[in-house]
Amino acid sequence: MPRPRKGRQVCRLPDISRFGPLDVPAAAAGTVSMTVDEYEAIRLIDLEGLTQEECAGRMAIARTTVQGIYNEARKKLASALVGGRVLLIEGGEYRLCDGLGQGCGNYWRRRHGWEG
């Protein structure tokens, strides 16, 4: 029997969870679903510039797990962009952090002078 999955720590849910082409109806474009933990890996590595090791520490999972999550997320982003498909961010196995730590998205937003 496989070991139960550990919830990945996520700092905050995305403000916007649906992206897509403006000139094609969503039904015609098709959809790509990205999990919240895949979104978090993209945010930490590509937006904040963390290494996979640092990202793993923030998400409280192994670096090899981050690598798999990140690779899958990049494939989904590419599929949505190249194929002109709607990207939905939803679901996954995650837990929200308390919002007070340095690794939290709220901290990042305050540090960069963003409100919201």
C-alpha atoms as a PDB file:
ATOM      1  CA  MET A   1       0.000   0.000   0.000  1.00  0.00           C
ATOM      2  CA  PRO A   2       1.457   3.402  -0.956  1.00  0.00           C
ATOM      3  CA  ARG A   3       2.267   5.920   1.687  1.00  0.00           C
ATOM      4  CA  PRO A   4      -0.305   8.742   2.123  1.00  0.00           C
ATOM      5  CA  ARG A   5       0.570  12.005   0.413  1.00  0.00           C
ATOM      6  CA  LYS A   6       1.762  14.842   2.582  1.00  0.00           C
ATOM      7  CA  GLY A   7      -0.002  18.163   2.019  1.00  0.00           C
ATOM      8  CA  ARG A   8       2.310  20.665   0.366  1.00  0.00           C
ATOM      9  CA  GLN A   9       2.530  24.029   2.119  1.00  0.00           C
ATOM     10  CA  VAL A  10       1.173  26.921   0.051  1.00  0.00           C
ATOM     11  CA  CYS A  11       1.400  30.559   1.158  1.00  0.00           C
ATOM     12  CA  ARG A  12      -1.790  31.773  -0.461  1.00  0.00           C
ATOM     13  CA  LEU A  13      -4.317  30.891  -3.073  1.00  0.00           C
ATOM     14  CA  PRO A  14      -4.033  32.668  -6.419  1.00  0.00           C
ATOM     15  CA  ASP A  15      -6.023  35.902  -6.768  1.00  0.00           C
ATOM     16  CA  ILE A  16      -7.088  34.797 -10.243  1.00  0.00           C
ATOM     17  CA  SER A  17      -7.583  31.134 -11.012  1.00  0.00           C
ATOM     18  CA  ARG A  18      -8.637  31.226 -14.670  1.00  0.00           C
ATOM     19  CA  PHE A  19      -6.563  32.430 -17.614  1.00  0.00           C
ATOM     20  CA  GLY A  20      -7.058  32.043 -21.312  1.00  0.00           C
ATOM     21  CA  PRO A  21      -7.370  33.484 -24.772  1.00  0.00           C
ATOM     22  CA  LEU A  22      -9.645  36.508 -25.071  1.00  0.00           C
ATOM     23  CA  ASP A  23     -10.765  35.855 -28.626  1.00  0.00           C
ATOM     24  CA  VAL A  24     -11.915  32.215 -28.282  1.00  0.00           C
ATOM     25  CA  PRO A  25     -14.859  30.925 -26.224  1.00  0.00           C
ATOM     26  CA  ALA A  26     -13.695  28.772 -23.286  1.00  0.00           C
ATOM     27  CA  ALA A  27     -15.682  25.753 -24.486  1.00  0.00           C
ATOM     28  CA  ALA A  28     -14.008  25.859 -27.893  1.00  0.00           C
ATOM     29  CA  ALA A  29     -10.511  26.406 -26.530  1.00  0.00           C
ATOM     30  CA  GLY A  30     -10.451  23.473 -24.120  1.00  0.00           C
ATOM     31  CA  THR A  31      -8.906  23.623 -20.668  1.00  0.00           C
ATOM     32  CA  VAL A  32      -5.722  22.730 -18.839  1.00  0.00           C
ATOM     33  CA  SER A  33      -5.977  22.172 -15.070  1.00  0.00           C
ATOM     34  CA  MET A  34      -3.066  23.160 -12.840  1.00  0.00           C
ATOM     35  CA  THR A  35      -3.122  22.306  -9.138  1.00  0.00           C
ATOM     36  CA  VAL A  36      -2.524  24.915  -6.451  1.00  0.00           C
ATOM     37  CA  ASP A  37       0.765  23.277  -5.449  1.00  0.00           C
ATOM     38  CA  GLU A  38       1.968  23.410  -9.080  1.00  0.00           C
ATOM     39  CA  TYR A  39       1.065  27.115  -9.121  1.00  0.00           C
ATOM     40  CA  GLU A  40       3.044  27.598  -5.878  1.00  0.00           C
ATOM     41  CA  ALA A  41       6.137  25.928  -7.358  1.00  0.00           C
ATOM     42  CA  ILE A  42       5.967  28.221 -10.410  1.00  0.00           C
ATOM     43  CA  ARG A  43       5.494  31.260  -8.141  1.00  0.00           C
ATOM     44  CA  LEU A  44       8.411  30.408  -5.879  1.00  0.00           C
ATOM     45  CA  ILE A  45      10.899  29.325  -8.558  1.00  0.00           C
ATOM     46  CA  ASP A  46      10.060  31.605 -11.488  1.00  0.00           C
ATOM     47  CA  LEU A  47       8.673  34.712  -9.766  1.00  0.00           C
ATOM     48  CA  GLU A  48      10.666  34.790  -6.521  1.00  0.00           C
ATOM     49  CA  GLY A  49      13.770  33.244  -8.097  1.00  0.00           C
ATOM     50  CA  LEU A  50      14.241  30.519  -5.489  1.00  0.00           C
ATOM     51  CA  THR A  51      16.180  27.353  -6.171  1.00  0.00           C
ATOM     52  CA  GLN A  52      14.346  24.042  -6.117  1.00  0.00           C
ATOM     53  CA  GLU A  53      15.987  23.338  -2.743  1.00  0.00           C
ATOM     54  CA  GLU A  54      14.704  26.632  -1.283  1.00  0.00           C
ATOM     55  CA  CYS A  55      11.274  25.998  -2.785  1.00  0.00           C
ATOM     56  CA  ALA A  56      11.225  22.550  -1.192  1.00  0.00           C
ATOM     57  CA  GLY A  57      11.945  24.119   2.189  1.00  0.00           C
ATOM     58  CA  ARG A  58       9.093  26.599   1.837  1.00  0.00           C
ATOM     59  CA  MET A  59       6.648  23.933   0.679  1.00  0.00           C
ATOM     60  CA  ALA A  60       7.868  21.424   3.318  1.00  0.00           C
ATOM     61  CA  ILE A  61       8.515  18.649   0.789  1.00  0.00           C
ATOM     62  CA  ALA A  62      11.530  16.944  -0.812  1.00  0.00           C
ATOM     63  CA  ARG A  63      13.493  18.674  -3.575  1.00  0.00           C
ATOM     64  CA  THR A  64      12.814  15.760  -5.925  1.00  0.00           C
ATOM     65  CA  THR A  65       9.078  16.244  -5.314  1.00  0.00           C
ATOM     66  CA  VAL A  66       9.420  19.952  -6.153  1.00  0.00           C
ATOM     67  CA  GLN A  67      11.255  19.029  -9.347  1.00  0.00           C
ATOM     68  CA  GLY A  68       8.395  16.773 -10.457  1.00  0.00           C
ATOM     69  CA  ILE A  69       5.721  19.324  -9.530  1.00  0.00           C
ATOM     70  CA  TYR A  70       7.602  22.132 -11.293  1.00  0.00           C
ATOM     71  CA  ASN A  71       8.192  20.122 -14.473  1.00  0.00           C
ATOM     72  CA  GLU A  72       4.519  19.151 -14.660  1.00  0.00           C
ATOM     73  CA  ALA A  73       3.442  22.771 -14.084  1.00  0.00           C
ATOM     74  CA  ARG A  74       5.716  24.027 -16.890  1.00  0.00           C
ATOM     75  CA  LYS A  75       4.259  21.461 -19.309  1.00  0.00           C
ATOM     76  CA  LYS A  76       0.762  22.627 -18.426  1.00  0.00           C
ATOM     77  CA  LEU A  77       1.687  26.305 -18.897  1.00  0.00           C
ATOM     78  CA  ALA A  78       3.229  25.528 -22.274  1.00  0.00           C
ATOM     79  CA  SER A  79       0.182  23.531 -23.330  1.00  0.00           C
ATOM     80  CA  ALA A  80      -2.153  26.390 -22.411  1.00  0.00           C
ATOM     81  CA  LEU A  81      -0.025  29.064 -24.109  1.00  0.00           C
ATOM     82  CA  VAL A  82       0.871  27.200 -27.281  1.00  0.00           C
ATOM     83  CA  GLY A  83      -2.513  25.536 -27.691  1.00  0.00           C
ATOM     84  CA  GLY A  84      -4.543  28.641 -26.851  1.00  0.00           C
ATOM     85  CA  ARG A  85      -6.332  26.771 -24.066  1.00  0.00           C
ATOM     86  CA  VAL A  86      -7.884  28.032 -20.840  1.00  0.00           C
ATOM     87  CA  LEU A  87      -5.719  27.451 -17.740  1.00  0.00           C
ATOM     88  CA  LEU A  88      -7.593  26.673 -14.515  1.00  0.00           C
ATOM     89  CA  ILE A  89      -5.800  26.647 -11.153  1.00  0.00           C
ATOM     90  CA  GLU A  90      -7.668  24.439  -8.718  1.00  0.00           C
ATOM     91  CA  GLY A  91      -7.398  21.468  -6.388  1.00  0.00           C
ATOM     92  CA  GLY A  92      -4.376  19.459  -5.383  1.00  0.00           C
ATOM     93  CA  GLU A  93      -3.097  18.291  -2.026  1.00  0.00           C
ATOM     94  CA  TYR A  94      -1.959  21.361  -0.126  1.00  0.00           C
ATOM     95  CA  ARG A  95      -2.321  23.211   3.152  1.00  0.00           C
ATOM     96  CA  LEU A  96      -2.262  26.975   3.583  1.00  0.00           C
ATOM     97  CA  CYS A  97       0.435  28.462   5.803  1.00  0.00           C
ATOM     98  CA  ASP A  98      -0.442  30.821   8.647  1.00  0.00           C
ATOM     99  CA  GLY A  99       0.521  33.931   6.635  1.00  0.00           C
ATOM    100  CA  LEU A 100       3.109  35.218   9.080  1.00  0.00           C
ATOM    101  CA  GLY A 101       6.361  33.595   7.989  1.00  0.00           C
ATOM    102  CA  GLN A 102       9.022  34.984   5.700  1.00  0.00           C
ATOM    103  CA  GLY A 103       8.176  32.327   3.113  1.00  0.00           C
ATOM    104  CA  CYS A 104       4.604  33.475   2.896  1.00  0.00           C
ATOM    105  CA  GLY A 105       3.179  35.262  -0.144  1.00  0.00           C
ATOM    106  CA  ASN A 106       1.752  37.954   2.133  1.00  0.00           C
ATOM    107  CA  TYR A 107       5.288  38.671   3.367  1.00  0.00           C
ATOM    108  CA  TRP A 108       6.531  38.810  -0.239  1.00  0.00           C
ATOM    109  CA  ARG A 109       3.767  41.227  -1.225  1.00  0.00           C
ATOM    110  CA  ARG A 110       4.493  43.502   1.768  1.00  0.00           C
ATOM    111  CA  ARG A 111       8.233  43.440   1.037  1.00  0.00           C
ATOM    112  CA  HIS A 112       7.608  44.595  -2.541  1.00  0.00           C
ATOM    113  CA  GLY A 113       5.043  47.235  -1.573  1.00  0.00           C
ATOM    114  CA  TRP A 114       2.034  45.431  -3.037  1.00  0.00           C
ATOM    115  CA  GLU A 115      -1.336  45.729  -1.386  1.00  0.00           C
ATOM    116  CA  GLY A 116      -4.093  43.184  -1.469  1.00  0.00           C
END
